[in-house]
Amino acid sequence: MDAAQWDERYRASAGGVWATQPPAVVREIAATLVPGTAIDVATGDGRTALWLAERGWACTGVDFSSAGLALAAARPGGDRVDWTVGDVREWHPKTPVDLVISCYLHLRDSAAAIARIAEWVAPGGTLVVLGHDVENIAAGGHGPSDPAILYTPELLRGAVDERFRIERCERVTRTSADAELRDGHQAAAIDTLLHAERVR
């Protein structure tokens, strides 16, 4: 979907598309970090950026959908986040940050996009990427059905170089209690998680 299609989807939603909280595994990892500067890539209607800001992070939420960002900015705490319209394939921050999070960014060139956002992580900082795994199709979980844009642990592991120490790169299963959509979904979903620390 392009920016115009996402704008249409957000405008048609009743207050937002996605769940109000970030995925549980993202919260688990971020909760162990000392707040600093952060970028939430493809922030959508802002759930992860807002959660980070509530916990003291100076956060920028980037998305190419202005309609999604308008929903995000209107939420409680929305004034604490720097909402920025930008395409991950072209936009870049002025300076590297302590934490870069990307949840469910699926592109034809996903590996290149992940390698690009990894450059935004400062030495000593953290990269967290979570997205639908290719095995999610057979499992019947919510998400895209095109295997060409889905993740595997091998794809995410190959997107970072020797400057990063990989803490976790694996498939994880989300239950209906950790649904991606605001209205929930019944089937369990299979995601791929990358958690890496930039060591130099």
N, C-alpha and C. Protein backbone atom coordinates (compact mmCIF):
# COMPACT_ATOMS: atom_id res chain seq x y z
N MET A 1 0.84 -1.20 0.00
CA MET A 1 0.00 0.00 0.00
C MET A 1 0.87 1.25 0.00
N ASP A 2 0.44 2.26 -0.74
CA ASP A 2 1.20 3.51 -0.76
C ASP A 2 0.61 4.48 0.27
N ALA A 3 1.19 5.68 0.36
CA ALA A 3 0.78 6.64 1.39
C ALA A 3 -0.68 7.02 1.24
N ALA A 4 -1.15 7.21 0.00
CA ALA A 4 -2.54 7.60 -0.22
C ALA A 4 -3.50 6.51 0.26
N GLN A 5 -3.14 5.25 0.03
CA GLN A 5 -4.00 4.15 0.47
C GLN A 5 -4.03 4.05 1.99
N TRP A 6 -2.87 4.27 2.63
CA TRP A 6 -2.85 4.27 4.09
C TRP A 6 -3.64 5.45 4.64
N ASP A 7 -3.53 6.62 4.00
CA ASP A 7 -4.33 7.77 4.44
C ASP A 7 -5.81 7.42 4.42
N GLU A 8 -6.25 6.77 3.36
CA GLU A 8 -7.66 6.39 3.23
C GLU A 8 -8.06 5.42 4.34
N ARG A 9 -7.18 4.47 4.62
CA ARG A 9 -7.50 3.49 5.67
C ARG A 9 -7.59 4.16 7.03
N TYR A 10 -6.68 5.06 7.33
CA TYR A 10 -6.73 5.73 8.63
C TYR A 10 -7.95 6.64 8.74
N ARG A 11 -8.28 7.33 7.67
CA ARG A 11 -9.45 8.23 7.71
C ARG A 11 -10.75 7.44 7.91
N ALA A 12 -10.76 6.21 7.41
CA ALA A 12 -11.96 5.38 7.53
C ALA A 12 -12.06 4.67 8.89
N SER A 13 -10.99 4.72 9.68
CA SER A 13 -10.99 4.01 10.95
C SER A 13 -11.67 4.84 12.03
N ALA A 14 -12.23 4.18 12.99
CA ALA A 14 -12.88 4.86 14.12
C ALA A 14 -11.87 5.06 15.23
N GLY A 15 -11.03 6.08 15.08
CA GLY A 15 -10.08 6.41 16.15
C GLY A 15 -8.74 5.73 16.05
N GLY A 16 -8.55 4.85 15.09
CA GLY A 16 -7.26 4.19 14.93
C GLY A 16 -7.40 2.77 14.44
N VAL A 17 -6.36 2.28 13.79
CA VAL A 17 -6.37 0.94 13.22
C VAL A 17 -5.78 -0.07 14.18
N TRP A 18 -4.67 0.30 14.81
CA TRP A 18 -3.87 -0.66 15.56
C TRP A 18 -4.22 -0.69 17.04
N ALA A 19 -3.78 -1.73 17.72
CA ALA A 19 -3.95 -1.82 19.16
C ALA A 19 -3.34 -0.59 19.84
N THR A 20 -3.79 -0.30 21.04
CA THR A 20 -3.33 0.91 21.71
C THR A 20 -1.96 0.75 22.36
N GLN A 21 -1.50 -0.48 22.52
CA GLN A 21 -0.20 -0.75 23.12
C GLN A 21 0.74 -1.37 22.09
N PRO A 22 2.04 -1.12 22.20
CA PRO A 22 2.99 -1.82 21.33
C PRO A 22 2.95 -3.32 21.59
N PRO A 23 3.47 -4.12 20.67
CA PRO A 23 3.55 -5.56 20.90
C PRO A 23 4.29 -5.87 22.20
N ALA A 24 3.87 -6.93 22.87
CA ALA A 24 4.41 -7.25 24.19
C ALA A 24 5.93 -7.42 24.17
N VAL A 25 6.47 -8.06 23.14
CA VAL A 25 7.92 -8.30 23.11
C VAL A 25 8.68 -6.98 22.97
N VAL A 26 8.10 -6.00 22.26
CA VAL A 26 8.73 -4.69 22.13
C VAL A 26 8.73 -3.98 23.48
N ARG A 27 7.61 -4.04 24.18
CA ARG A 27 7.55 -3.43 25.52
C ARG A 27 8.55 -4.09 26.47
N GLU A 28 8.67 -5.39 26.36
CA GLU A 28 9.58 -6.13 27.23
C GLU A 28 11.03 -5.68 27.03
N ILE A 29 11.44 -5.52 25.79
CA ILE A 29 12.81 -5.10 25.50
C ILE A 29 13.03 -3.64 25.89
N ALA A 30 12.13 -2.76 25.47
CA ALA A 30 12.31 -1.33 25.73
C ALA A 30 12.27 -1.00 27.20
N ALA A 31 11.52 -1.78 27.97
CA ALA A 31 11.41 -1.52 29.41
C ALA A 31 12.73 -1.73 30.14
N THR A 32 13.68 -2.44 29.53
CA THR A 32 14.97 -2.69 30.18
C THR A 32 15.98 -1.58 29.87
N LEU A 33 15.63 -0.64 28.99
CA LEU A 33 16.57 0.37 28.53
C LEU A 33 16.41 1.68 29.29
N VAL A 34 17.50 2.41 29.41
CA VAL A 34 17.45 3.74 30.02
C VAL A 34 16.92 4.71 28.97
N PRO A 35 15.86 5.48 29.27
CA PRO A 35 15.30 6.38 28.27
C PRO A 35 16.31 7.39 27.74
N GLY A 36 16.24 7.61 26.45
CA GLY A 36 17.09 8.58 25.77
C GLY A 36 16.35 9.09 24.55
N THR A 37 17.01 9.07 23.41
CA THR A 37 16.37 9.49 22.16
C THR A 37 15.93 8.26 21.38
N ALA A 38 14.79 8.38 20.68
CA ALA A 38 14.24 7.22 19.98
C ALA A 38 13.54 7.65 18.71
N ILE A 39 13.51 6.72 17.75
CA ILE A 39 12.71 6.88 16.54
C ILE A 39 11.83 5.65 16.41
N ASP A 40 10.52 5.90 16.23
CA ASP A 40 9.58 4.84 15.93
C ASP A 40 9.29 4.90 14.44
N VAL A 41 9.81 3.92 13.71
CA VAL A 41 9.73 3.88 12.25
C VAL A 41 8.38 3.31 11.83
N ALA A 42 7.74 3.96 10.83
CA ALA A 42 6.42 3.54 10.38
C ALA A 42 5.46 3.50 11.57
N THR A 43 5.40 4.62 12.27
CA THR A 43 4.67 4.70 13.53
C THR A 43 3.17 4.53 13.38
N GLY A 44 2.64 4.75 12.16
CA GLY A 44 1.20 4.58 11.96
C GLY A 44 0.40 5.56 12.78
N ASP A 45 -0.52 5.04 13.61
CA ASP A 45 -1.28 5.93 14.48
C ASP A 45 -0.67 6.07 15.87
N GLY A 46 0.63 5.72 15.97
CA GLY A 46 1.44 6.21 17.08
C GLY A 46 1.57 5.42 18.35
N ARG A 47 1.10 4.19 18.38
CA ARG A 47 1.07 3.49 19.67
C ARG A 47 2.44 3.32 20.32
N THR A 48 3.45 2.95 19.53
CA THR A 48 4.76 2.71 20.13
C THR A 48 5.43 4.01 20.53
N ALA A 49 5.34 5.02 19.69
CA ALA A 49 5.94 6.32 20.03
C ALA A 49 5.32 6.90 21.29
N LEU A 50 4.00 6.82 21.42
CA LEU A 50 3.32 7.34 22.61
C LEU A 50 3.74 6.58 23.86
N TRP A 51 3.85 5.27 23.74
CA TRP A 51 4.28 4.44 24.88
C TRP A 51 5.69 4.83 25.32
N LEU A 52 6.58 5.04 24.36
CA LEU A 52 7.94 5.45 24.70
C LEU A 52 7.95 6.82 25.36
N ALA A 53 7.20 7.77 24.81
CA ALA A 53 7.18 9.12 25.38
C ALA A 53 6.66 9.11 26.80
N GLU A 54 5.67 8.27 27.09
CA GLU A 54 5.14 8.16 28.45
C GLU A 54 6.21 7.70 29.43
N ARG A 55 7.22 7.03 28.93
CA ARG A 55 8.27 6.49 29.78
C ARG A 55 9.55 7.30 29.72
N GLY A 56 9.46 8.51 29.22
CA GLY A 56 10.57 9.44 29.30
C GLY A 56 11.46 9.52 28.09
N TRP A 57 11.12 8.82 27.02
CA TRP A 57 11.93 8.89 25.80
C TRP A 57 11.61 10.17 25.03
N ALA A 58 12.63 10.80 24.45
CA ALA A 58 12.44 11.89 23.49
C ALA A 58 12.28 11.23 22.14
N CYS A 59 11.04 11.09 21.69
CA CYS A 59 10.73 10.20 20.58
C CYS A 59 10.25 10.95 19.35
N THR A 60 10.71 10.49 18.20
CA THR A 60 10.20 10.93 16.90
C THR A 60 9.44 9.78 16.28
N GLY A 61 8.21 10.05 15.85
CA GLY A 61 7.40 9.05 15.16
C GLY A 61 7.34 9.40 13.69
N VAL A 62 7.84 8.51 12.84
CA VAL A 62 7.95 8.77 11.40
C VAL A 62 7.00 7.86 10.63
N ASP A 63 6.24 8.44 9.71
CA ASP A 63 5.38 7.64 8.85
C ASP A 63 5.09 8.43 7.59
N PHE A 64 4.80 7.73 6.49
CA PHE A 64 4.47 8.46 5.27
C PHE A 64 3.00 8.78 5.15
N SER A 65 2.19 8.37 6.14
CA SER A 65 0.77 8.68 6.15
C SER A 65 0.48 9.87 7.06
N SER A 66 0.13 10.98 6.48
CA SER A 66 -0.21 12.15 7.30
C SER A 66 -1.49 11.92 8.08
N ALA A 67 -2.41 11.11 7.55
CA ALA A 67 -3.65 10.82 8.26
C ALA A 67 -3.38 9.99 9.51
N GLY A 68 -2.48 9.03 9.41
CA GLY A 68 -2.10 8.25 10.59
C GLY A 68 -1.46 9.12 11.65
N LEU A 69 -0.59 10.02 11.24
CA LEU A 69 0.08 10.91 12.19
C LEU A 69 -0.91 11.88 12.82
N ALA A 70 -1.94 12.29 12.09
CA ALA A 70 -2.95 13.17 12.67
C ALA A 70 -3.70 12.46 13.80
N LEU A 71 -4.02 11.19 13.61
CA LEU A 71 -4.64 10.40 14.67
C LEU A 71 -3.71 10.30 15.88
N ALA A 72 -2.43 10.05 15.60
CA ALA A 72 -1.45 9.90 16.68
C ALA A 72 -1.33 11.19 17.49
N ALA A 73 -1.22 12.32 16.79
CA ALA A 73 -1.02 13.60 17.47
C ALA A 73 -2.21 13.98 18.32
N ALA A 74 -3.41 13.51 17.97
CA ALA A 74 -4.62 13.85 18.71
C ALA A 74 -4.81 13.01 19.97
N ARG A 75 -4.00 12.01 20.16
CA ARG A 75 -4.16 11.15 21.33
C ARG A 75 -3.56 11.78 22.57
N PRO A 76 -4.01 11.34 23.76
CA PRO A 76 -3.39 11.85 24.99
C PRO A 76 -1.88 11.62 24.96
N GLY A 77 -1.13 12.66 25.25
CA GLY A 77 0.32 12.58 25.21
C GLY A 77 0.91 12.83 23.84
N GLY A 78 0.05 13.07 22.84
CA GLY A 78 0.53 13.27 21.49
C GLY A 78 1.44 14.47 21.33
N ASP A 79 1.32 15.42 22.22
CA ASP A 79 2.17 16.62 22.13
C ASP A 79 3.59 16.36 22.61
N ARG A 80 3.84 15.17 23.15
CA ARG A 80 5.19 14.85 23.63
C ARG A 80 6.05 14.14 22.59
N VAL A 81 5.48 13.90 21.41
CA VAL A 81 6.19 13.19 20.34
C VAL A 81 6.37 14.13 19.16
N ASP A 82 7.52 14.04 18.51
CA ASP A 82 7.77 14.79 17.28
C ASP A 82 7.27 13.94 16.12
N TRP A 83 6.07 14.25 15.62
CA TRP A 83 5.48 13.50 14.52
C TRP A 83 6.00 14.04 13.19
N THR A 84 6.55 13.16 12.37
CA THR A 84 7.24 13.57 11.15
C THR A 84 6.76 12.76 9.96
N VAL A 85 6.29 13.45 8.92
CA VAL A 85 5.91 12.76 7.69
C VAL A 85 7.18 12.44 6.91
N GLY A 86 7.39 11.17 6.63
CA GLY A 86 8.59 10.77 5.91
C GLY A 86 8.52 9.33 5.47
N ASP A 87 9.15 9.03 4.36
CA ASP A 87 9.25 7.68 3.82
C ASP A 87 10.59 7.11 4.28
N VAL A 88 10.55 5.95 4.89
CA VAL A 88 11.76 5.34 5.45
C VAL A 88 12.85 5.16 4.39
N ARG A 89 12.46 5.07 3.13
CA ARG A 89 13.44 4.87 2.07
C ARG A 89 14.14 6.16 1.67
N GLU A 90 13.66 7.30 2.19
CA GLU A 90 14.25 8.59 1.83
C GLU A 90 14.60 9.45 3.04
N TRP A 91 13.76 9.41 4.08
CA TRP A 91 13.96 10.26 5.25
C TRP A 91 15.14 9.75 6.09
N HIS A 92 15.79 10.64 6.79
CA HIS A 92 16.82 10.22 7.76
C HIS A 92 16.90 11.28 8.85
N PRO A 93 17.27 10.88 10.07
CA PRO A 93 17.37 11.84 11.16
C PRO A 93 18.62 12.70 11.03
N LYS A 94 18.60 13.83 11.75
CA LYS A 94 19.77 14.71 11.73
C LYS A 94 20.95 14.07 12.47
N THR A 95 20.65 13.34 13.52
CA THR A 95 21.71 12.67 14.29
C THR A 95 21.23 11.27 14.68
N PRO A 96 22.16 10.34 14.91
CA PRO A 96 21.77 9.01 15.38
C PRO A 96 21.12 9.07 16.76
N VAL A 97 20.34 8.05 17.08
CA VAL A 97 19.58 8.02 18.33
C VAL A 97 19.90 6.75 19.12
N ASP A 98 19.41 6.73 20.35
CA ASP A 98 19.70 5.61 21.25
C ASP A 98 18.86 4.37 20.97
N LEU A 99 17.70 4.56 20.35
CA LEU A 99 16.80 3.43 20.11
C LEU A 99 16.04 3.67 18.81
N VAL A 100 16.06 2.67 17.94
CA VAL A 100 15.24 2.67 16.73
C VAL A 100 14.35 1.44 16.79
N ILE A 101 13.04 1.66 16.69
CA ILE A 101 12.07 0.57 16.69
C ILE A 101 11.29 0.60 15.39
N SER A 102 11.11 -0.57 14.80
CA SER A 102 10.28 -0.71 13.61
C SER A 102 9.34 -1.89 13.82
N CYS A 103 8.04 -1.61 13.80
CA CYS A 103 7.04 -2.67 13.94
C CYS A 103 6.20 -2.78 12.67
N TYR A 104 6.26 -3.90 12.01
CA TYR A 104 5.41 -4.23 10.87
C TYR A 104 5.62 -3.30 9.69
N LEU A 105 6.87 -3.04 9.38
CA LEU A 105 7.23 -2.32 8.16
C LEU A 105 7.54 -3.38 7.10
N HIS A 106 6.67 -3.51 6.11
CA HIS A 106 6.84 -4.54 5.09
C HIS A 106 6.89 -3.89 3.71
N LEU A 107 8.04 -4.00 3.08
CA LEU A 107 8.29 -3.39 1.78
C LEU A 107 8.87 -4.43 0.82
N ARG A 108 8.87 -4.11 -0.44
CA ARG A 108 9.52 -5.00 -1.42
C ARG A 108 11.01 -5.12 -1.15
N ASP A 109 11.58 -4.06 -0.60
CA ASP A 109 13.02 -4.04 -0.28
C ASP A 109 13.22 -3.98 1.23
N SER A 110 12.56 -4.86 1.95
CA SER A 110 12.61 -4.82 3.41
C SER A 110 14.02 -4.92 3.97
N ALA A 111 14.84 -5.79 3.41
CA ALA A 111 16.20 -5.94 3.93
C ALA A 111 16.97 -4.64 3.79
N ALA A 112 16.84 -3.97 2.65
CA ALA A 112 17.52 -2.69 2.45
C ALA A 112 16.98 -1.63 3.40
N ALA A 113 15.67 -1.64 3.64
CA ALA A 113 15.08 -0.67 4.55
C ALA A 113 15.58 -0.87 5.97
N ILE A 114 15.68 -2.12 6.42
CA ILE A 114 16.18 -2.39 7.77
C ILE A 114 17.64 -2.00 7.88
N ALA A 115 18.42 -2.30 6.86
CA ALA A 115 19.83 -1.88 6.88
C ALA A 115 19.93 -0.36 6.95
N ARG A 116 19.02 0.34 6.29
CA ARG A 116 19.05 1.80 6.29
C ARG A 116 18.71 2.35 7.67
N ILE A 117 17.66 1.82 8.31
CA ILE A 117 17.30 2.36 9.63
C ILE A 117 18.32 1.97 10.69
N ALA A 118 19.05 0.88 10.46
CA ALA A 118 20.11 0.50 11.40
C ALA A 118 21.18 1.59 11.48
N GLU A 119 21.37 2.32 10.38
CA GLU A 119 22.34 3.41 10.37
C GLU A 119 21.95 4.54 11.30
N TRP A 120 20.69 4.60 11.69
CA TRP A 120 20.22 5.66 12.57
C TRP A 120 20.52 5.40 14.04
N VAL A 121 21.02 4.20 14.35
CA VAL A 121 21.31 3.82 15.74
C VAL A 121 22.70 4.31 16.12
N ALA A 122 22.79 5.05 17.21
CA ALA A 122 24.08 5.53 17.70
C ALA A 122 24.87 4.38 18.32
N PRO A 123 26.21 4.47 18.33
CA PRO A 123 27.00 3.46 19.05
C PRO A 123 26.52 3.35 20.50
N GLY A 124 26.33 2.13 20.96
CA GLY A 124 25.77 1.89 22.28
C GLY A 124 24.26 1.82 22.29
N GLY A 125 23.63 2.08 21.13
CA GLY A 125 22.18 2.09 21.04
C GLY A 125 21.59 0.75 20.64
N THR A 126 20.27 0.75 20.52
CA THR A 126 19.51 -0.49 20.33
C THR A 126 18.63 -0.41 19.09
N LEU A 127 18.55 -1.52 18.36
CA LEU A 127 17.66 -1.67 17.22
C LEU A 127 16.68 -2.79 17.53
N VAL A 128 15.39 -2.51 17.38
CA VAL A 128 14.35 -3.53 17.57
C VAL A 128 13.47 -3.53 16.33
N VAL A 129 13.39 -4.67 15.67
CA VAL A 129 12.55 -4.82 14.47
C VAL A 129 11.63 -6.01 14.70
N LEU A 130 10.34 -5.80 14.44
CA LEU A 130 9.35 -6.87 14.56
C LEU A 130 8.43 -6.81 13.35
N GLY A 131 8.17 -7.95 12.75
CA GLY A 131 7.28 -7.98 11.60
C GLY A 131 6.72 -9.36 11.37
N HIS A 132 5.76 -9.44 10.48
CA HIS A 132 5.13 -10.72 10.17
C HIS A 132 6.13 -11.65 9.49
N ASP A 133 6.19 -12.86 9.99
CA ASP A 133 7.07 -13.88 9.42
C ASP A 133 6.36 -14.59 8.26
N VAL A 134 7.15 -15.10 7.34
CA VAL A 134 6.57 -15.80 6.19
C VAL A 134 5.73 -17.00 6.62
N GLU A 135 6.05 -17.60 7.76
CA GLU A 135 5.27 -18.75 8.25
C GLU A 135 3.89 -18.34 8.75
N ASN A 136 3.67 -17.04 8.90
CA ASN A 136 2.38 -16.55 9.37
C ASN A 136 1.26 -16.87 8.37
N ILE A 137 1.60 -16.98 7.09
CA ILE A 137 0.58 -17.26 6.08
C ILE A 137 -0.06 -18.62 6.36
N ALA A 138 0.76 -19.65 6.49
CA ALA A 138 0.23 -21.00 6.73
C ALA A 138 -0.45 -21.11 8.09
N ALA A 139 0.01 -20.30 9.05
CA ALA A 139 -0.56 -20.33 10.39
C ALA A 139 -1.93 -19.66 10.45
N GLY A 140 -2.25 -18.87 9.42
CA GLY A 140 -3.55 -18.20 9.40
C GLY A 140 -3.61 -16.96 10.26
N GLY A 141 -2.46 -16.39 10.62
CA GLY A 141 -2.45 -15.18 11.44
C GLY A 141 -2.76 -13.94 10.62
N HIS A 142 -3.14 -12.86 11.30
CA HIS A 142 -3.42 -11.61 10.61
C HIS A 142 -2.16 -11.06 9.97
N GLY A 143 -2.29 -10.45 8.81
CA GLY A 143 -1.16 -9.79 8.18
C GLY A 143 -1.12 -10.04 6.69
N PRO A 144 -0.11 -9.49 6.02
CA PRO A 144 0.00 -9.63 4.57
C PRO A 144 0.13 -11.09 4.15
N SER A 145 -0.35 -11.38 2.95
CA SER A 145 -0.28 -12.75 2.43
C SER A 145 0.73 -12.91 1.31
N ASP A 146 1.52 -11.87 1.06
CA ASP A 146 2.53 -11.92 0.01
C ASP A 146 3.88 -12.31 0.63
N PRO A 147 4.37 -13.50 0.36
CA PRO A 147 5.61 -13.93 1.00
C PRO A 147 6.81 -13.06 0.64
N ALA A 148 6.72 -12.35 -0.48
CA ALA A 148 7.86 -11.53 -0.92
C ALA A 148 8.14 -10.37 0.02
N ILE A 149 7.17 -9.96 0.82
CA ILE A 149 7.39 -8.82 1.71
C ILE A 149 7.46 -9.23 3.18
N LEU A 150 7.39 -10.52 3.45
CA LEU A 150 7.40 -11.00 4.83
C LEU A 150 8.82 -11.31 5.30
N TYR A 151 8.96 -11.39 6.61
CA TYR A 151 10.28 -11.55 7.22
C TYR A 151 10.62 -13.01 7.48
N THR A 152 11.90 -13.25 7.64
CA THR A 152 12.44 -14.48 8.20
C THR A 152 13.58 -14.07 9.12
N PRO A 153 13.96 -14.92 10.07
CA PRO A 153 15.14 -14.58 10.88
C PRO A 153 16.38 -14.35 10.03
N GLU A 154 16.52 -15.11 8.95
CA GLU A 154 17.70 -14.96 8.10
C GLU A 154 17.73 -13.59 7.43
N LEU A 155 16.57 -13.11 6.99
CA LEU A 155 16.50 -11.80 6.35
C LEU A 155 16.92 -10.69 7.33
N LEU A 156 16.38 -10.73 8.55
CA LEU A 156 16.70 -9.67 9.50
C LEU A 156 18.14 -9.77 9.99
N ARG A 157 18.62 -10.98 10.19
CA ARG A 157 20.01 -11.14 10.63
C ARG A 157 20.96 -10.59 9.57
N GLY A 158 20.64 -10.80 8.32
CA GLY A 158 21.50 -10.34 7.23
C GLY A 158 21.43 -8.86 6.97
N ALA A 159 20.46 -8.17 7.59
CA ALA A 159 20.30 -6.73 7.36
C ALA A 159 21.21 -5.87 8.23
N VAL A 160 21.85 -6.47 9.23
CA VAL A 160 22.77 -5.70 10.08
C VAL A 160 24.19 -6.25 9.92
N ASP A 161 25.15 -5.38 10.13
CA ASP A 161 26.55 -5.77 9.91
C ASP A 161 27.27 -6.00 11.23
N GLU A 162 28.60 -6.08 11.15
CA GLU A 162 29.41 -6.45 12.31
C GLU A 162 29.44 -5.37 13.39
N ARG A 163 28.91 -4.21 13.10
CA ARG A 163 28.83 -3.18 14.15
C ARG A 163 27.78 -3.51 15.20
N PHE A 164 26.93 -4.49 14.92
CA PHE A 164 25.84 -4.85 15.81
C PHE A 164 26.07 -6.22 16.45
N ARG A 165 25.73 -6.32 17.71
CA ARG A 165 25.68 -7.60 18.40
C ARG A 165 24.22 -8.02 18.47
N ILE A 166 23.90 -9.16 17.91
CA ILE A 166 22.52 -9.63 17.89
C ILE A 166 22.19 -10.32 19.22
N GLU A 167 21.22 -9.76 19.91
CA GLU A 167 20.77 -10.33 21.18
C GLU A 167 19.71 -11.42 20.93
N ARG A 168 18.80 -11.14 20.02
CA ARG A 168 17.77 -12.11 19.66
C ARG A 168 17.44 -11.92 18.18
N CYS A 169 17.29 -13.01 17.47
CA CYS A 169 16.77 -12.97 16.11
C CYS A 169 16.05 -14.29 15.90
N GLU A 170 14.72 -14.25 16.02
CA GLU A 170 13.97 -15.49 16.09
C GLU A 170 12.49 -15.26 15.79
N ARG A 171 11.80 -16.34 15.53
CA ARG A 171 10.35 -16.29 15.38
C ARG A 171 9.70 -16.24 16.77
N VAL A 172 8.67 -15.42 16.87
CA VAL A 172 7.89 -15.33 18.11
C VAL A 172 6.42 -15.44 17.75
N THR A 173 5.63 -15.98 18.66
CA THR A 173 4.20 -16.14 18.42
C THR A 173 3.41 -15.19 19.31
N ARG A 174 2.53 -14.41 18.68
CA ARG A 174 1.63 -13.54 19.40
C ARG A 174 0.26 -14.20 19.49
N THR A 175 -0.34 -14.18 20.67
CA THR A 175 -1.69 -14.71 20.85
C THR A 175 -2.71 -13.59 20.66
N SER A 176 -3.97 -13.92 20.74
CA SER A 176 -5.03 -12.92 20.60
C SER A 176 -4.96 -11.87 21.71
N ALA A 177 -4.31 -12.20 22.84
CA ALA A 177 -4.15 -11.23 23.92
C ALA A 177 -3.16 -10.13 23.55
N ASP A 178 -2.39 -10.34 22.49
CA ASP A 178 -1.40 -9.37 22.03
C ASP A 178 -1.67 -9.07 20.55
N ALA A 179 -2.93 -8.74 20.26
CA ALA A 179 -3.37 -8.55 18.89
C ALA A 179 -2.78 -7.28 18.29
N GLU A 180 -2.59 -7.30 16.98
CA GLU A 180 -2.07 -6.13 16.28
C GLU A 180 -3.17 -5.11 16.01
N LEU A 181 -4.37 -5.58 15.69
CA LEU A 181 -5.47 -4.68 15.36
C LEU A 181 -6.21 -4.21 16.61
N ARG A 182 -6.76 -3.02 16.54
CA ARG A 182 -7.52 -2.47 17.66
C ARG A 182 -8.71 -3.34 18.02
N ASP A 183 -9.35 -3.92 17.02
CA ASP A 183 -10.52 -4.77 17.27
C ASP A 183 -10.14 -6.22 17.58
N GLY A 184 -8.84 -6.48 17.63
CA GLY A 184 -8.37 -7.82 17.95
C GLY A 184 -8.45 -8.77 16.76
N HIS A 185 -7.91 -9.97 16.94
CA HIS A 185 -8.08 -11.05 15.98
C HIS A 185 -7.85 -12.36 16.72
N GLN A 186 -8.49 -13.40 16.23
CA GLN A 186 -8.56 -14.65 16.99
C GLN A 186 -7.33 -15.54 16.85
N ALA A 187 -6.81 -15.65 15.63
CA ALA A 187 -5.72 -16.60 15.40
C ALA A 187 -4.39 -16.08 15.93
N ALA A 188 -3.57 -16.98 16.40
CA ALA A 188 -2.20 -16.61 16.79
C ALA A 188 -1.43 -16.20 15.55
N ALA A 189 -0.47 -15.30 15.73
CA ALA A 189 0.32 -14.79 14.61
C ALA A 189 1.79 -15.09 14.85
N ILE A 190 2.50 -15.37 13.77
CA ILE A 190 3.93 -15.66 13.86
C ILE A 190 4.70 -14.46 13.31
N ASP A 191 5.56 -13.90 14.14
CA ASP A 191 6.37 -12.75 13.78
C ASP A 191 7.84 -13.13 13.79
N THR A 192 8.67 -12.27 13.21
CA THR A 192 10.12 -12.36 13.36
C THR A 192 10.58 -11.16 14.16
N LEU A 193 11.43 -11.41 15.15
CA LEU A 193 11.99 -10.37 16.01
C LEU A 193 13.49 -10.27 15.80
N LEU A 194 13.97 -9.05 15.67
CA LEU A 194 15.40 -8.76 15.74
C LEU A 194 15.63 -7.76 16.85
N HIS A 195 16.49 -8.11 17.79
CA HIS A 195 16.94 -7.20 18.84
C HIS A 195 18.46 -7.19 18.78
N ALA A 196 19.01 -6.01 18.43
CA ALA A 196 20.46 -5.91 18.26
C ALA A 196 20.98 -4.65 18.94
N GLU A 197 22.20 -4.74 19.46
CA GLU A 197 22.87 -3.60 20.10
C GLU A 197 24.03 -3.17 19.23
N ARG A 198 24.13 -1.87 18.99
CA ARG A 198 25.27 -1.38 18.21
C ARG A 198 26.47 -1.22 19.13
N VAL A 199 27.49 -1.98 18.87
CA VAL A 199 28.65 -2.01 19.76
C VAL A 199 29.77 -1.10 19.25
N ARG A 200 29.71 -0.68 18.00
CA ARG A 200 30.71 0.25 17.49
C ARG A 200 30.21 0.95 16.22
